[in-house]
Amino acid sequence: MKATYLEPFGYSCRFLAKQLDVASSTLNRILKGQSGVTPEMALRLSKAVGRTPESWLAMQDNYDLWQAKQNINLGNVHSVSFEAA
């Protein structure tokens, strides 16, 4: 978000937070990866900077999945067969 919507236009986190009608600390946590984009925030982002709310949520889901892949050990997880007996 920083590289696409803030830095190229010289906008600060505080400025964008004001446009989103949220506390700058809320937006800052999202930008730092400490909080995720919620459905409510996706609606705000969609109205303020564009893209659909669904695209904001999809980006968050993709990031969350990437994070999970970095941290999970699936060595003890086994496939389940659902074939008819």
Protein backbone atom coordinates (compact mmCIF):
# COMPACT_ATOMS: atom_id res chain seq x y z
CA MET A 1 0.00 0.00 0.00
CA LYS A 2 2.82 2.36 0.86
CA ALA A 3 4.62 1.87 -2.44
CA THR A 4 1.46 2.21 -4.53
CA TYR A 5 -0.76 4.71 -2.74
CA LEU A 6 1.36 6.75 -0.34
CA GLU A 7 4.96 7.25 -1.45
CA PRO A 8 4.40 8.07 -5.15
CA PHE A 9 1.97 10.84 -4.23
CA GLY A 10 3.74 12.09 -1.12
CA TYR A 11 0.82 11.14 1.12
CA SER A 12 1.42 10.36 4.77
CA CYS A 13 -0.15 7.61 6.81
CA ARG A 14 -1.92 10.30 8.81
CA PHE A 15 -3.41 11.84 5.65
CA LEU A 16 -4.73 8.52 4.33
CA ALA A 17 -6.06 7.55 7.76
CA LYS A 18 -8.02 10.79 7.86
CA GLN A 19 -9.51 10.05 4.43
CA LEU A 20 -10.45 6.57 5.66
CA ASP A 21 -11.95 8.01 8.87
CA VAL A 22 -9.76 5.78 11.06
CA ALA A 23 -7.04 6.46 13.59
CA SER A 24 -3.58 6.75 12.07
CA SER A 25 -2.43 4.02 14.47
CA THR A 26 -5.00 1.66 12.92
CA LEU A 27 -3.69 2.24 9.42
CA ASN A 28 -0.10 2.13 10.62
CA ARG A 29 -0.65 -1.36 12.10
CA ILE A 30 -2.00 -2.55 8.74
CA LEU A 31 0.93 -1.02 6.86
CA LYS A 32 3.39 -2.72 9.22
CA GLY A 33 1.65 -6.09 8.89
CA GLN A 34 0.64 -6.10 12.55
CA SER A 35 -3.08 -6.08 11.70
CA GLY A 36 -4.99 -7.34 8.72
CA VAL A 37 -7.46 -5.70 6.37
CA THR A 38 -10.94 -6.39 7.76
CA PRO A 39 -14.12 -6.34 5.67
CA GLU A 40 -14.91 -2.90 7.13
CA MET A 41 -11.46 -1.59 6.24
CA ALA A 42 -11.77 -3.11 2.76
CA LEU A 43 -14.93 -1.06 2.23
CA ARG A 44 -13.16 2.09 3.42
CA LEU A 45 -10.12 1.45 1.23
CA SER A 46 -12.32 0.75 -1.76
CA LYS A 47 -14.10 4.07 -1.43
CA ALA A 48 -11.00 6.11 -0.60
CA VAL A 49 -8.39 4.76 -3.01
CA GLY A 50 -10.19 2.45 -5.40
CA ARG A 51 -10.19 -1.28 -6.19
CA THR A 52 -13.06 -3.44 -5.03
CA PRO A 53 -13.51 -4.46 -1.40
CA GLU A 54 -13.18 -8.04 -2.60
CA SER A 55 -9.74 -7.32 -4.07
CA TRP A 56 -8.54 -5.81 -0.78
CA LEU A 57 -9.76 -8.90 1.09
CA ALA A 58 -8.21 -11.22 -1.51
CA MET A 59 -4.84 -9.49 -1.08
CA GLN A 60 -5.14 -9.94 2.69
CA ASP A 61 -6.06 -13.62 2.26
CA ASN A 62 -3.08 -14.15 -0.05
CA TYR A 63 -0.76 -12.50 2.46
CA ASP A 64 -2.19 -14.55 5.34
CA LEU A 65 -1.76 -17.78 3.35
CA TRP A 66 1.82 -16.85 2.46
CA GLN A 67 2.54 -16.18 6.15
CA ALA A 68 1.03 -19.52 7.14
CA LYS A 69 3.14 -21.37 4.56
CA GLN A 70 6.27 -19.85 6.08
CA ASN A 71 5.40 -21.06 9.58
CA ILE A 72 3.55 -24.36 9.35
CA ASN A 73 4.94 -27.88 9.45
CA LEU A 74 2.62 -30.28 7.64
CA GLY A 75 4.85 -33.31 8.23
CA ASN A 76 2.35 -34.97 10.57
CA VAL A 77 -0.73 -34.17 8.49
CA HIS A 78 -2.02 -37.06 6.38
CA SER A 79 -4.44 -37.25 3.47
CA VAL A 80 -7.91 -38.64 4.08
CA SER A 81 -9.52 -40.85 1.45
CA PHE A 82 -13.15 -40.21 0.62
CA GLU A 83 -13.57 -43.05 -1.85
CA ALA A 84 -16.72 -45.16 -1.48
CA ALA A 85 -16.09 -48.52 0.18
